[in-house]
């Protein structure tokens, strides 16, 4: 008589996702706090976000390979987009007398993109672009 292998515990399936989401939200909160404190975009934080995501994936024991690298790049891109959205909304909200949360719900994608292009120079764009391959390599 052969035994069938037992189904893995439910905690093993949702725990890595929870760790990735918490790590992403935590780093996003740190980036936004720094940006609100010094009034800058701090594009160098994108590279640190890539390293943080790679660490979270390793701690969550995701299997190495192209899936983990792709997930690291995707999570890094989400952090970058949400951080810039929050920073732009916060700066606009300050000028308009709105809270960052109220301003973020009223901010349009085209307006945010225009302000991001105006606020960043070549070095900033290079750091943002560099963060995606850093995430892929660090997560492999």
Protein backbone atom coordinates (compact mmCIF):
# COMPACT_ATOMS: atom_id res chain seq x y z
CA UNK A 1 0.00 0.00 0.00
CA UNK A 2 1.47 3.35 -1.03
CA UNK A 3 0.76 6.57 0.73
CA UNK A 4 -0.03 9.73 -1.08
CA UNK A 5 2.08 12.70 -0.09
CA UNK A 6 0.36 15.06 2.29
CA UNK A 7 -0.83 18.40 1.03
CA UNK A 8 1.41 21.24 2.25
CA UNK A 9 0.08 23.34 5.05
CA UNK A 10 -1.85 26.45 4.09
CA UNK A 11 0.69 28.63 5.90
CA UNK A 12 3.38 27.57 3.45
CA UNK A 13 1.38 28.91 0.52
CA UNK A 14 0.38 32.34 1.80
CA UNK A 15 3.34 33.18 4.00
CA UNK A 16 5.82 34.05 1.20
CA UNK A 17 3.21 36.30 -0.42
CA UNK A 18 2.50 38.00 2.90
CA UNK A 19 6.21 38.59 3.46
CA UNK A 20 6.59 40.09 -0.02
CA UNK A 21 3.58 42.39 0.42
CA UNK A 22 4.68 43.52 3.89
CA UNK A 23 8.22 44.15 2.69
CA UNK A 24 6.96 46.13 -0.28
CA UNK A 25 4.60 48.23 1.83
CA UNK A 26 7.23 48.79 4.49
CA UNK A 27 9.81 50.00 2.03
CA UNK A 28 7.22 52.19 0.32
CA UNK A 29 6.40 53.79 3.67
CA UNK A 30 10.10 54.44 4.34
CA UNK A 31 10.60 56.02 0.89
CA UNK A 32 7.54 58.23 1.28
CA UNK A 33 8.60 59.29 4.78
CA UNK A 34 12.04 60.26 3.55
CA UNK A 35 10.55 62.12 0.59
CA UNK A 36 8.12 64.06 2.77
CA UNK A 37 10.92 64.85 5.21
CA UNK A 38 13.41 66.29 2.73
CA UNK A 39 11.04 67.33 -0.10
CA UNK A 40 12.87 65.34 -2.81
CA UNK A 41 12.16 62.26 -4.89
CA UNK A 42 15.22 60.33 -3.65
CA UNK A 43 15.52 58.18 -6.76
CA UNK A 44 18.49 56.34 -5.25
CA UNK A 45 15.96 54.58 -3.03
CA UNK A 46 14.86 52.56 -6.08
CA UNK A 47 18.10 50.57 -6.00
CA UNK A 48 17.64 49.91 -2.29
CA UNK A 49 14.05 48.87 -3.00
CA UNK A 50 15.33 46.31 -5.50
CA UNK A 51 17.72 44.87 -2.93
CA UNK A 52 14.98 44.84 -0.28
CA UNK A 53 12.58 42.97 -2.57
CA UNK A 54 15.27 40.43 -3.43
CA UNK A 55 15.91 39.90 0.27
CA UNK A 56 12.19 39.44 0.96
CA UNK A 57 11.94 36.84 -1.80
CA UNK A 58 14.93 34.96 -0.42
CA UNK A 59 13.55 35.09 3.13
CA UNK A 60 10.21 33.86 1.81
CA UNK A 61 12.07 30.89 0.28
CA UNK A 62 10.86 31.49 -3.24
CA UNK A 63 12.52 29.09 -5.65
CA UNK A 64 15.40 30.66 -7.57
CA UNK A 65 14.92 31.15 -11.25
CA UNK A 66 13.23 33.35 -13.80
CA UNK A 67 9.95 33.49 -11.86
CA UNK A 68 11.65 34.96 -8.78
CA UNK A 69 13.62 37.43 -10.89
CA UNK A 70 10.46 38.52 -12.70
CA UNK A 71 8.58 38.89 -9.43
CA UNK A 72 11.43 40.98 -8.00
CA UNK A 73 11.37 43.30 -11.01
CA UNK A 74 7.60 43.62 -10.83
CA UNK A 75 7.60 44.38 -7.08
CA UNK A 76 10.37 46.94 -7.58
CA UNK A 77 8.42 48.64 -10.36
CA UNK A 78 5.32 48.75 -8.15
CA UNK A 79 7.31 50.37 -5.34
CA UNK A 80 8.73 52.98 -7.73
CA UNK A 81 5.37 53.86 -9.24
CA UNK A 82 3.58 54.07 -5.89
CA UNK A 83 6.39 56.06 -4.30
CA UNK A 84 6.43 58.62 -7.08
CA UNK A 85 2.65 58.79 -7.10
CA UNK A 86 2.61 59.40 -3.34
CA UNK A 87 5.39 61.98 -3.42
CA UNK A 88 3.82 63.92 -6.28
CA UNK A 89 0.40 63.77 -4.64
CA UNK A 90 1.85 64.90 -1.32
CA UNK A 91 3.63 67.88 -2.85
CA UNK A 92 0.55 68.91 -4.83
CA UNK A 93 -1.70 68.40 -1.83
CA UNK A 94 0.53 70.65 0.25
CA UNK A 95 0.10 73.46 -2.27
CA UNK A 96 -3.66 72.92 -2.58
CA UNK A 97 -4.43 72.41 1.09
CA UNK A 98 -5.25 68.72 0.73
CA UNK A 99 -3.89 65.74 2.58
CA UNK A 100 -1.64 63.41 0.57
CA UNK A 101 -4.38 60.77 0.58
CA UNK A 102 -7.00 63.18 -0.82
CA UNK A 103 -4.58 64.49 -3.40
CA UNK A 104 -3.57 60.98 -4.51
CA UNK A 105 -7.15 60.09 -5.39
CA UNK A 106 -7.52 63.22 -7.52
CA UNK A 107 -4.18 63.02 -9.31
CA UNK A 108 -4.35 61.88 -12.92
CA UNK A 109 -1.81 59.62 -14.58
CA UNK A 110 -0.88 62.12 -17.28
CA UNK A 111 -0.41 64.92 -14.77
CA UNK A 112 1.73 62.68 -12.54
CA UNK A 113 3.84 61.60 -15.53
CA UNK A 114 4.40 65.21 -16.59
CA UNK A 115 5.47 66.23 -13.10
CA UNK A 116 7.75 63.20 -12.77
CA UNK A 117 9.46 64.09 -16.06
CA UNK A 118 9.97 67.67 -14.86
CA UNK A 119 11.25 66.68 -11.42
CA UNK A 120 13.83 64.12 -12.56
CA UNK A 121 17.11 64.55 -14.36
CA UNK A 122 19.23 62.06 -16.24
CA UNK A 123 20.84 60.67 -13.11
CA UNK A 124 17.44 60.02 -11.53
CA UNK A 125 16.15 58.18 -14.60
CA UNK A 126 19.36 56.15 -14.74
CA UNK A 127 18.94 55.04 -11.13
CA UNK A 128 15.31 54.13 -11.70
CA UNK A 129 16.22 52.11 -14.79
CA UNK A 130 19.16 50.46 -13.01
CA UNK A 131 16.97 49.23 -10.18
CA UNK A 132 15.11 46.70 -12.35
CA UNK A 133 18.18 44.71 -13.47
CA UNK A 134 19.54 44.96 -9.94
CA UNK A 135 16.32 43.36 -8.67
CA UNK A 136 16.55 40.57 -11.24
CA UNK A 137 20.20 39.78 -10.54
CA UNK A 138 19.90 40.03 -6.75
CA UNK A 139 16.82 37.78 -6.69
CA UNK A 140 18.18 34.99 -8.88
